[in-house]
C-alpha atoms as a PDB file:
ATOM      1  CA  UNK A   1     112.302 112.806 125.617  1.00  0.00           C
ATOM      2  CA  UNK A   2     115.211 111.023 125.262  1.00  0.00           C
ATOM      3  CA  UNK A   3     117.435 109.463 122.539  1.00  0.00           C
ATOM      4  CA  UNK A   4     119.398 106.669 122.239  1.00  0.00           C
ATOM      5  CA  UNK A   5     121.077 104.613 119.699  1.00  0.00           C
ATOM      6  CA  UNK A   6     118.978 102.107 117.527  1.00  0.00           C
ATOM      7  CA  UNK A   7     121.667 101.406 115.326  1.00  0.00           C
ATOM      8  CA  UNK A   8     125.611 102.232 115.280  1.00  0.00           C
ATOM      9  CA  UNK A   9     125.570 103.894 112.168  1.00  0.00           C
ATOM     10  CA  UNK A  10     121.768 105.548 111.832  1.00  0.00           C
ATOM     11  CA  UNK A  11     118.562 105.895 113.844  1.00  0.00           C
ATOM     12  CA  UNK A  12     117.704 106.915 116.797  1.00  0.00           C
ATOM     13  CA  UNK A  13     115.330 105.482 119.888  1.00  0.00           C
ATOM     14  CA  UNK A  14     113.002 107.919 121.247  1.00  0.00           C
ATOM     15  CA  UNK A  15     112.099 107.324 124.445  1.00  0.00           C
ATOM     16  CA  UNK A  16     109.776 109.160 126.921  1.00  0.00           C
ATOM     17  CA  UNK A  17     107.709 110.459 124.477  1.00  0.00           C
ATOM     18  CA  UNK A  18     103.579 110.242 123.685  1.00  0.00           C
ATOM     19  CA  UNK A  19     103.052 110.457 120.210  1.00  0.00           C
ATOM     20  CA  UNK A  20      99.903 111.577 121.120  1.00  0.00           C
ATOM     21  CA  UNK A  21     100.768 114.923 122.659  1.00  0.00           C
ATOM     22  CA  UNK A  22     103.096 115.931 119.327  1.00  0.00           C
ATOM     23  CA  UNK A  23     102.292 118.707 117.690  1.00  0.00           C
ATOM     24  CA  UNK A  24     103.449 121.759 115.059  1.00  0.00           C
ATOM     25  CA  UNK A  25     105.520 123.898 118.603  1.00  0.00           C
ATOM     26  CA  UNK A  26     105.743 120.891 120.454  1.00  0.00           C
ATOM     27  CA  UNK A  27     108.011 117.886 120.333  1.00  0.00           C
ATOM     28  CA  UNK A  28     108.111 118.357 116.522  1.00  0.00           C
ATOM     29  CA  UNK A  29     110.611 120.234 116.027  1.00  0.00           C
ATOM     30  CA  UNK A  30     112.999 117.958 118.057  1.00  0.00           C
ATOM     31  CA  UNK A  31     111.698 114.828 116.724  1.00  0.00           C
ATOM     32  CA  UNK A  32     111.891 116.681 112.625  1.00  0.00           C
ATOM     33  CA  UNK A  33     115.343 117.199 114.013  1.00  0.00           C
ATOM     34  CA  UNK A  34     116.583 113.390 114.938  1.00  0.00           C
ATOM     35  CA  UNK A  35     114.778 112.409 111.716  1.00  0.00           C
ATOM     36  CA  UNK A  36     116.309 114.606 109.489  1.00  0.00           C
ATOM     37  CA  UNK A  37     120.063 113.673 111.018  1.00  0.00           C
ATOM     38  CA  UNK A  38     119.674 110.030 112.133  1.00  0.00           C
ATOM     39  CA  UNK A  39     116.997 108.927 109.301  1.00  0.00           C
ATOM     40  CA  UNK A  40     114.666 106.764 111.420  1.00  0.00           C
ATOM     41  CA  UNK A  41     113.329 106.814 114.800  1.00  0.00           C
ATOM     42  CA  UNK A  42     111.617 103.972 116.760  1.00  0.00           C
ATOM     43  CA  UNK A  43     108.968 104.692 119.821  1.00  0.00           C
ATOM     44  CA  UNK A  44     107.759 101.995 121.745  1.00  0.00           C
ATOM     45  CA  UNK A  45     104.108 101.361 123.582  1.00  0.00           C
ATOM     46  CA  UNK A  46     101.991 104.062 121.688  1.00  0.00           C
ATOM     47  CA  UNK A  47      98.182 103.569 121.533  1.00  0.00           C
ATOM     48  CA  UNK A  48      97.914 105.873 117.938  1.00  0.00           C
ATOM     49  CA  UNK A  49      94.703 104.866 116.567  1.00  0.00           C
ATOM     50  CA  UNK A  50      93.917 106.307 113.161  1.00  0.00           C
ATOM     51  CA  UNK A  51      93.038 109.758 113.407  1.00  0.00           C
ATOM     52  CA  UNK A  52      96.071 110.168 115.688  1.00  0.00           C
ATOM     53  CA  UNK A  53      98.337 108.469 113.115  1.00  0.00           C
ATOM     54  CA  UNK A  54      97.231 110.538 110.377  1.00  0.00           C
ATOM     55  CA  UNK A  55      97.424 113.856 112.998  1.00  0.00           C
ATOM     56  CA  UNK A  56     100.651 112.782 113.651  1.00  0.00           C
ATOM     57  CA  UNK A  57     101.857 111.885 110.143  1.00  0.00           C
ATOM     58  CA  UNK A  58     100.507 115.196 108.836  1.00  0.00           C
ATOM     59  CA  UNK A  59     103.068 117.290 111.211  1.00  0.00           C
ATOM     60  CA  UNK A  60     105.788 115.896 108.022  1.00  0.00           C
ATOM     61  CA  UNK A  61     104.088 116.754 105.138  1.00  0.00           C
ATOM     62  CA  UNK A  62     101.056 116.222 102.416  1.00  0.00           C
ATOM     63  CA  UNK A  63      99.573 112.600 103.040  1.00  0.00           C
ATOM     64  CA  UNK A  64     100.479 110.167 100.106  1.00  0.00           C
ATOM     65  CA  UNK A  65      96.193 109.396  98.445  1.00  0.00           C
ATOM     66  CA  UNK A  66      97.184 107.006  95.992  1.00  0.00           C
ATOM     67  CA  UNK A  67      93.843 106.394  94.640  1.00  0.00           C
ATOM     68  CA  UNK A  68      93.750 110.345  94.228  1.00  0.00           C
ATOM     69  CA  UNK A  69      96.795 110.970  92.413  1.00  0.00           C
ATOM     70  CA  UNK A  70      95.847 108.143  90.214  1.00  0.00           C
ATOM     71  CA  UNK A  71      92.439 109.451  89.353  1.00  0.00           C
ATOM     72  CA  UNK A  72      93.084 112.832  90.033  1.00  0.00           C
ATOM     73  CA  UNK A  73      89.943 113.213  92.296  1.00  0.00           C
ATOM     74  CA  UNK A  74      89.474 114.145  96.082  1.00  0.00           C
ATOM     75  CA  UNK A  75      89.241 110.761  97.499  1.00  0.00           C
ATOM     76  CA  UNK A  76      89.084 110.337 101.618  1.00  0.00           C
ATOM     77  CA  UNK A  77      92.384 109.607 102.650  1.00  0.00           C
ATOM     78  CA  UNK A  78      92.660 105.645 104.133  1.00  0.00           C
ATOM     79  CA  UNK A  79      95.146 104.364 106.683  1.00  0.00           C
ATOM     80  CA  UNK A  80      96.970 101.491 104.637  1.00  0.00           C
ATOM     81  CA  UNK A  81      96.451  98.243 106.419  1.00  0.00           C
ATOM     82  CA  UNK A  82      99.900  96.137 105.976  1.00  0.00           C
ATOM     83  CA  UNK A  83      97.945  92.841 106.346  1.00  0.00           C
ATOM     84  CA  UNK A  84      96.854  89.448 105.686  1.00  0.00           C
ATOM     85  CA  UNK A  85      93.898  90.030 107.797  1.00  0.00           C
ATOM     86  CA  UNK A  86      91.214  89.605 105.423  1.00  0.00           C
ATOM     87  CA  UNK A  87      87.762  89.574 107.791  1.00  0.00           C
ATOM     88  CA  UNK A  88      86.789  88.978 111.231  1.00  0.00           C
ATOM     89  CA  UNK A  89      89.253  86.087 112.225  1.00  0.00           C
ATOM     90  CA  UNK A  90      90.169  85.296 108.501  1.00  0.00           C
ATOM     91  CA  UNK A  91      93.519  85.480 106.612  1.00  0.00           C
ATOM     92  CA  UNK A  92      94.201  85.212 102.950  1.00  0.00           C
ATOM     93  CA  UNK A  93      95.016  82.196 101.630  1.00  0.00           C
ATOM     94  CA  UNK A  94      98.991  81.738 101.189  1.00  0.00           C
ATOM     95  CA  UNK A  95      98.813  81.719  97.311  1.00  0.00           C
ATOM     96  CA  UNK A  96      96.429  84.174  97.059  1.00  0.00           C
ATOM     97  CA  UNK A  97      97.377  87.453  95.221  1.00  0.00           C
ATOM     98  CA  UNK A  98      96.498  89.398  98.422  1.00  0.00           C
ATOM     99  CA  UNK A  99      99.334  87.561  99.935  1.00  0.00           C
ATOM    100  CA  UNK A 100     101.478  87.698  97.252  1.00  0.00           C
ATOM    101  CA  UNK A 101     101.531  91.224  97.160  1.00  0.00           C
ATOM    102  CA  UNK A 102     102.763  91.543 101.032  1.00  0.00           C
ATOM    103  CA  UNK A 103     105.351  89.206  99.607  1.00  0.00           C
ATOM    104  CA  UNK A 104     106.578  91.901  97.075  1.00  0.00           C
ATOM    105  CA  UNK A 105     106.880  94.085 100.162  1.00  0.00           C
ATOM    106  CA  UNK A 106     110.283  91.417 101.303  1.00  0.00           C
ATOM    107  CA  UNK A 107     112.245  92.673  98.343  1.00  0.00           C
ATOM    108  CA  UNK A 108     114.223  95.630  99.303  1.00  0.00           C
ATOM    109  CA  UNK A 109     112.583  98.717  98.412  1.00  0.00           C
ATOM    110  CA  UNK A 110     111.834 102.321  98.706  1.00  0.00           C
ATOM    111  CA  UNK A 111     107.914 103.246  98.923  1.00  0.00           C
ATOM    112  CA  UNK A 112     106.455 105.545  95.914  1.00  0.00           C
ATOM    113  CA  UNK A 113     109.438 105.838  93.926  1.00  0.00           C
ATOM    114  CA  UNK A 114     107.144 104.686  90.957  1.00  0.00           C
ATOM    115  CA  UNK A 115     104.887 107.377  91.910  1.00  0.00           C
ATOM    116  CA  UNK A 116     104.614 111.507  90.706  1.00  0.00           C
ATOM    117  CA  UNK A 117     105.692 112.214  93.826  1.00  0.00           C
ATOM    118  CA  UNK A 118     108.205 110.378  95.665  1.00  0.00           C
ATOM    119  CA  UNK A 119     107.483 109.796  99.429  1.00  0.00           C
ATOM    120  CA  UNK A 120     109.081 111.749 101.951  1.00  0.00           C
ATOM    121  CA  UNK A 121     108.650 109.723 105.617  1.00  0.00           C
ATOM    122  CA  UNK A 122     106.672 106.439 106.190  1.00  0.00           C
ATOM    123  CA  UNK A 123     105.269 106.100 110.216  1.00  0.00           C
ATOM    124  CA  UNK A 124     104.574 102.370 110.172  1.00  0.00           C
ATOM    125  CA  UNK A 125     102.716 101.218 113.514  1.00  0.00           C
ATOM    126  CA  UNK A 126     102.042  97.350 114.764  1.00  0.00           C
ATOM    127  CA  UNK A 127      98.296  96.574 115.539  1.00  0.00           C
ATOM    128  CA  UNK A 128      98.701  92.911 115.651  1.00  0.00           C
ATOM    129  CA  UNK A 129     101.555  90.636 115.775  1.00  0.00           C
ATOM    130  CA  UNK A 130     102.381  86.580 114.369  1.00  0.00           C
ATOM    131  CA  UNK A 131     103.842  84.567 117.224  1.00  0.00           C
ATOM    132  CA  UNK A 132     107.346  84.992 115.334  1.00  0.00           C
ATOM    133  CA  UNK A 133     108.945  86.235 112.209  1.00  0.00           C
ATOM    134  CA  UNK A 134     107.405  89.380 110.395  1.00  0.00           C
ATOM    135  CA  UNK A 135     110.039  91.725 111.140  1.00  0.00           C
ATOM    136  CA  UNK A 136     110.920  94.824 109.574  1.00  0.00           C
ATOM    137  CA  UNK A 137     113.883  95.850 108.195  1.00  0.00           C
ATOM    138  CA  UNK A 138     115.967  99.188 107.487  1.00  0.00           C
ATOM    139  CA  UNK A 139     119.375 100.122 105.131  1.00  0.00           C
ATOM    140  CA  UNK A 140     120.437 103.326 105.462  1.00  0.00           C
ATOM    141  CA  UNK A 141     122.028 104.330 101.670  1.00  0.00           C
ATOM    142  CA  UNK A 142     123.122 106.762 103.601  1.00  0.00           C
ATOM    143  CA  UNK A 143     125.298 105.303 105.719  1.00  0.00           C
ATOM    144  CA  UNK A 144     126.087 102.495 102.348  1.00  0.00           C
ATOM    145  CA  UNK A 145     126.652 105.379 100.134  1.00  0.00           C
ATOM    146  CA  UNK A 146     129.746 107.181 101.931  1.00  0.00           C
ATOM    147  CA  UNK A 147     131.451 103.604 102.236  1.00  0.00           C
ATOM    148  CA  UNK A 148     130.906 102.577  99.028  1.00  0.00           C
ATOM    149  CA  UNK A 149     134.258 101.979  96.707  1.00  0.00           C
ATOM    150  CA  UNK A 150     134.506 104.565  94.078  1.00  0.00           C
ATOM    151  CA  UNK A 151     134.849 102.509  91.340  1.00  0.00           C
ATOM    152  CA  UNK A 152     130.950 101.311  92.336  1.00  0.00           C
ATOM    153  CA  UNK A 153     130.030 104.923  92.750  1.00  0.00           C
ATOM    154  CA  UNK A 154     130.834 106.945  89.761  1.00  0.00           C
ATOM    155  CA  UNK A 155     128.163 105.011  87.459  1.00  0.00           C
ATOM    156  CA  UNK A 156     125.992 105.904  90.025  1.00  0.00           C
ATOM    157  CA  UNK A 157     126.554 109.449  90.577  1.00  0.00           C
ATOM    158  CA  UNK A 158     124.807 111.241  88.431  1.00  0.00           C
ATOM    159  CA  UNK A 159     123.015 108.291  87.467  1.00  0.00           C
ATOM    160  CA  UNK A 160     119.306 108.832  86.406  1.00  0.00           C
ATOM    161  CA  UNK A 161     117.455 105.606  87.820  1.00  0.00           C
ATOM    162  CA  UNK A 162     113.848 104.541  85.713  1.00  0.00           C
ATOM    163  CA  UNK A 163     111.355 102.915  88.758  1.00  0.00           C
ATOM    164  CA  UNK A 164     108.162 101.250  87.802  1.00  0.00           C
ATOM    165  CA  UNK A 165     105.923  99.182  89.927  1.00  0.00           C
ATOM    166  CA  UNK A 166     105.066  95.993  88.186  1.00  0.00           C
ATOM    167  CA  UNK A 167     108.814  95.413  87.655  1.00  0.00           C
ATOM    168  CA  UNK A 168     109.451  94.581  91.453  1.00  0.00           C
ATOM    169  CA  UNK A 169     105.824  92.479  91.645  1.00  0.00           C
ATOM    170  CA  UNK A 170     106.933  90.467  88.223  1.00  0.00           C
ATOM    171  CA  UNK A 171     109.695  88.840  90.832  1.00  0.00           C
ATOM    172  CA  UNK A 172     107.179  87.674  92.785  1.00  0.00           C
ATOM    173  CA  UNK A 173     104.585  86.254  90.412  1.00  0.00           C
ATOM    174  CA  UNK A 174     103.390  86.983  86.424  1.00  0.00           C
ATOM    175  CA  UNK A 175      99.651  87.546  87.751  1.00  0.00           C
ATOM    176  CA  UNK A 176     100.532  89.717  90.085  1.00  0.00           C
ATOM    177  CA  UNK A 177     101.940  92.313  88.027  1.00  0.00           C
ATOM    178  CA  UNK A 178      99.466  92.667  85.755  1.00  0.00           C
ATOM    179  CA  UNK A 179      96.826  93.826  88.181  1.00  0.00           C
ATOM    180  CA  UNK A 180      95.584  96.712  86.857  1.00  0.00           C
ATOM    181  CA  UNK A 181      96.770  98.416  90.396  1.00  0.00           C
ATOM    182  CA  UNK A 182     100.854  97.610  89.372  1.00  0.00           C
ATOM    183  CA  UNK A 183     100.319  99.081  86.047  1.00  0.00           C
ATOM    184  CA  UNK A 184      98.479 102.084  86.048  1.00  0.00           C
ATOM    185  CA  UNK A 185     101.818 104.272  86.851  1.00  0.00           C
ATOM    186  CA  UNK A 186     104.350 105.414  83.835  1.00  0.00           C
ATOM    187  CA  UNK A 187     107.994 104.179  84.418  1.00  0.00           C
ATOM    188  CA  UNK A 188     108.813 107.256  86.929  1.00  0.00           C
ATOM    189  CA  UNK A 189     113.049 108.449  86.681  1.00  0.00           C
ATOM    190  CA  UNK A 190     114.532 110.002  89.498  1.00  0.00           C
ATOM    191  CA  UNK A 191     118.166 110.725  90.019  1.00  0.00           C
ATOM    192  CA  UNK A 192     119.645 108.327  92.149  1.00  0.00           C
ATOM    193  CA  UNK A 193     121.641 110.799  95.078  1.00  0.00           C
ATOM    194  CA  UNK A 194     119.536 112.510  96.897  1.00  0.00           C
ATOM    195  CA  UNK A 195     121.468 114.976  99.108  1.00  0.00           C
ATOM    196  CA  UNK A 196     119.466 115.519 102.786  1.00  0.00           C
ATOM    197  CA  UNK A 197     118.404 120.019 102.329  1.00  0.00           C
ATOM    198  CA  UNK A 198     119.573 119.686 106.256  1.00  0.00           C
ATOM    199  CA  UNK A 199     122.774 117.884 106.618  1.00  0.00           C
ATOM    200  CA  UNK A 200     123.876 117.673 102.912  1.00  0.00           C
ATOM    201  CA  UNK A 201     124.778 114.002 103.592  1.00  0.00           C
ATOM    202  CA  UNK A 202     123.747 111.702 100.081  1.00  0.00           C
ATOM    203  CA  UNK A 203     121.506 108.727  99.956  1.00  0.00           C
ATOM    204  CA  UNK A 204     121.574 106.751  97.070  1.00  0.00           C
ATOM    205  CA  UNK A 205     117.594 106.363  96.080  1.00  0.00           C
ATOM    206  CA  UNK A 206     117.057 103.295  95.009  1.00  0.00           C
ATOM    207  CA  UNK A 207     114.569 100.290  95.086  1.00  0.00           C
ATOM    208  CA  UNK A 208     113.319  97.002  93.502  1.00  0.00           C
ATOM    209  CA  UNK A 209     110.963  98.952  91.831  1.00  0.00           C
ATOM    210  CA  UNK A 210     114.398 100.240  89.910  1.00  0.00           C
ATOM    211  CA  UNK A 211     114.329  98.677  86.489  1.00  0.00           C
ATOM    212  CA  UNK A 212     116.840 100.603  84.182  1.00  0.00           C
ATOM    213  CA  UNK A 213     119.379 103.484  84.235  1.00  0.00           C
ATOM    214  CA  UNK A 214     119.066 105.833  81.133  1.00  0.00           C
ATOM    215  CA  UNK A 215     122.547 105.981  78.630  1.00  0.00           C
ATOM    216  CA  UNK A 216     123.053 101.669  80.019  1.00  0.00           C
ATOM    217  CA  UNK A 217     121.857  98.910  78.270  1.00  0.00           C
ATOM    218  CA  UNK A 218     119.095  97.188  80.134  1.00  0.00           C
ATOM    219  CA  UNK A 219     120.977  94.661  81.131  1.00  0.00           C
ATOM    220  CA  UNK A 220     124.411  96.554  82.392  1.00  0.00           C
ATOM    221  CA  UNK A 221     121.776  98.765  84.346  1.00  0.00           C
ATOM    222  CA  UNK A 222     120.053  96.188  86.086  1.00  0.00           C
ATOM    223  CA  UNK A 223     123.297  94.476  86.979  1.00  0.00           C
ATOM    224  CA  UNK A 224     124.056  98.039  88.640  1.00  0.00           C
ATOM    225  CA  UNK A 225     120.707  98.552  90.006  1.00  0.00           C
ATOM    226  CA  UNK A 226     121.240  94.857  91.678  1.00  0.00           C
ATOM    227  CA  UNK A 227     124.751  95.415  92.879  1.00  0.00           C
ATOM    228  CA  UNK A 228     124.203  98.939  94.201  1.00  0.00           C
ATOM    229  CA  UNK A 229     121.157  97.520  96.581  1.00  0.00           C
ATOM    230  CA  UNK A 230     123.313  94.469  97.903  1.00  0.00           C
ATOM    231  CA  UNK A 231     125.945  96.569  99.023  1.00  0.00           C
ATOM    232  CA  UNK A 232     123.412  98.451 100.500  1.00  0.00           C
ATOM    233  CA  UNK A 233     121.951  95.820 102.197  1.00  0.00           C
ATOM    234  CA  UNK A 234     124.892  94.104 103.715  1.00  0.00           C
ATOM    235  CA  UNK A 235     124.314  93.592 107.473  1.00  0.00           C
ATOM    236  CA  UNK A 236     126.386  96.474 108.679  1.00  0.00           C
ATOM    237  CA  UNK A 237     123.942  98.856 107.379  1.00  0.00           C
ATOM    238  CA  UNK A 238     120.826  97.110 108.602  1.00  0.00           C
ATOM    239  CA  UNK A 239     118.665  97.203 111.437  1.00  0.00           C
ATOM    240  CA  UNK A 240     115.873  94.161 111.936  1.00  0.00           C
ATOM    241  CA  UNK A 241     113.407  95.853 114.244  1.00  0.00           C
ATOM    242  CA  UNK A 242     110.986  92.501 115.820  1.00  0.00           C
ATOM    243  CA  UNK A 243     107.760  94.080 116.360  1.00  0.00           C
ATOM    244  CA  UNK A 244     106.004  94.487 119.418  1.00  0.00           C
ATOM    245  CA  UNK A 245     102.457  95.678 119.603  1.00  0.00           C
ATOM    246  CA  UNK A 246     102.630  99.698 119.691  1.00  0.00           C
ATOM    247  CA  UNK A 247     105.876 100.179 118.312  1.00  0.00           C
ATOM    248  CA  UNK A 248     105.881 103.349 116.232  1.00  0.00           C
ATOM    249  CA  UNK A 249     108.686 103.041 113.644  1.00  0.00           C
ATOM    250  CA  UNK A 250     109.028 105.736 111.237  1.00  0.00           C
ATOM    251  CA  UNK A 251     112.123 106.623 108.472  1.00  0.00           C
ATOM    252  CA  UNK A 252     113.688 108.706 105.854  1.00  0.00           C
ATOM    253  CA  UNK A 253     112.129 107.122 102.220  1.00  0.00           C
ATOM    254  CA  UNK A 254     114.931 109.240 100.471  1.00  0.00           C
ATOM    255  CA  UNK A 255     117.957 107.407 102.448  1.00  0.00           C
ATOM    256  CA  UNK A 256     116.480 103.832 103.551  1.00  0.00           C
ATOM    257  CA  UNK A 257     115.583 100.786 101.975  1.00  0.00           C
ATOM    258  CA  UNK A 258     113.418  98.664 103.910  1.00  0.00           C
ATOM    259  CA  UNK A 259     111.749  95.286 103.904  1.00  0.00           C
ATOM    260  CA  UNK A 260     109.443  92.797 105.107  1.00  0.00           C
ATOM    261  CA  UNK A 261     110.071  89.112 106.870  1.00  0.00           C
ATOM    262  CA  UNK A 262     108.006  86.502 106.143  1.00  0.00           C
ATOM    263  CA  UNK A 263     105.772  85.168 109.090  1.00  0.00           C
ATOM    264  CA  UNK A 264     103.409  82.074 109.748  1.00  0.00           C
ATOM    265  CA  UNK A 265     100.907  82.921 106.807  1.00  0.00           C
ATOM    266  CA  UNK A 266      97.651  81.221 109.187  1.00  0.00           C
ATOM    267  CA  UNK A 267      98.168  84.014 112.030  1.00  0.00           C
ATOM    268  CA  UNK A 268      97.199  87.572 111.362  1.00  0.00           C
ATOM    269  CA  UNK A 269      99.708  90.120 110.702  1.00  0.00           C
ATOM    270  CA  UNK A 270      98.475  93.790 110.650  1.00  0.00           C
ATOM    271  CA  UNK A 271     100.781  96.908 110.432  1.00  0.00           C
ATOM    272  CA  UNK A 272      98.864 100.385 109.529  1.00  0.00           C
ATOM    273  CA  UNK A 273     100.862 102.698 106.991  1.00  0.00           C
ATOM    274  CA  UNK A 274     101.249 106.259 106.443  1.00  0.00           C
ATOM    275  CA  UNK A 275     103.103 107.953 103.902  1.00  0.00           C
ATOM    276  CA  UNK A 276     103.843 111.585 103.136  1.00  0.00           C
ATOM    277  CA  UNK A 277     105.161 112.916 100.366  1.00  0.00           C
ATOM    278  CA  UNK A 278     108.046 114.704  99.490  1.00  0.00           C
ATOM    279  CA  UNK A 279     107.421 118.822  99.507  1.00  0.00           C
ATOM    280  CA  UNK A 280     110.257 121.618  97.481  1.00  0.00           C
ATOM    281  CA  UNK A 281     111.382 121.919 101.535  1.00  0.00           C
ATOM    282  CA  UNK A 282     112.578 118.082 101.250  1.00  0.00           C
ATOM    283  CA  UNK A 283     114.899 118.394  98.548  1.00  0.00           C
ATOM    284  CA  UNK A 284     112.490 117.315  95.602  1.00  0.00           C
ATOM    285  CA  UNK A 285     114.584 119.410  92.945  1.00  0.00           C
ATOM    286  CA  UNK A 286     117.745 117.483  93.820  1.00  0.00           C
ATOM    287  CA  UNK A 287     116.185 114.083  92.348  1.00  0.00           C
ATOM    288  CA  UNK A 288     113.327 115.739  90.234  1.00  0.00           C
ATOM    289  CA  UNK A 289     113.965 115.271  86.076  1.00  0.00           C
ATOM    290  CA  UNK A 290     113.123 118.894  84.305  1.00  0.00           C
END
């Protein structure tokens, strides 16, 4: 297993690795160290089925099962498909709520900031790709926070940011934002700065779901949130990934914003995604409100 540079400021490409060989004691310790240090990992040429995808994710932490979280019941975990495929040889209509929800993922966001437990990692792999477009872009809020002017950092340093899924979806469509799947999560507060418990480096924990900063007026808070996201997503902090079938992209949700890019919606595109929830060892106490 070898590592090379993904982006000048963050991320590594992992070479000579078959992710199906990774176990708790074999290769995972090296992968986890690279994950903590670099925030994003790219492994090409993989052949993970859903079961192998799950086995890899379970090494990072508890599988994020939103249906179980929402209902309080033990519901079987299913790997999420980020896809416009809705049946054999069929894709969703560009104006449908299904496609509009995919477009919601094209806002700069962090997964799961609206959940009772945030995500540690997203492990995303490509199954079907279009002829053009459909990139996934990552932005390091750790690199951006280190470079951010003090005038912007000061009001964020001890801030508490509130998150709501329907807020981000309302930027796409009011009809989408009012769907039960978007409104079932209570508003969630998190501290804005997440120090990495291994490296000590700080990252800004923010998302398109963020709608308010405690102690600020609504408009003032939203303006600061947008300014901070704009700063973090400048080209110097962004990696844009052009997918190939078999690529696996792994990133740290504690310090990485991401977004999808458009593609011709008459063409199918399917990525498979698993998020894992943070645990106490991942620094949850740093951002959790008592």
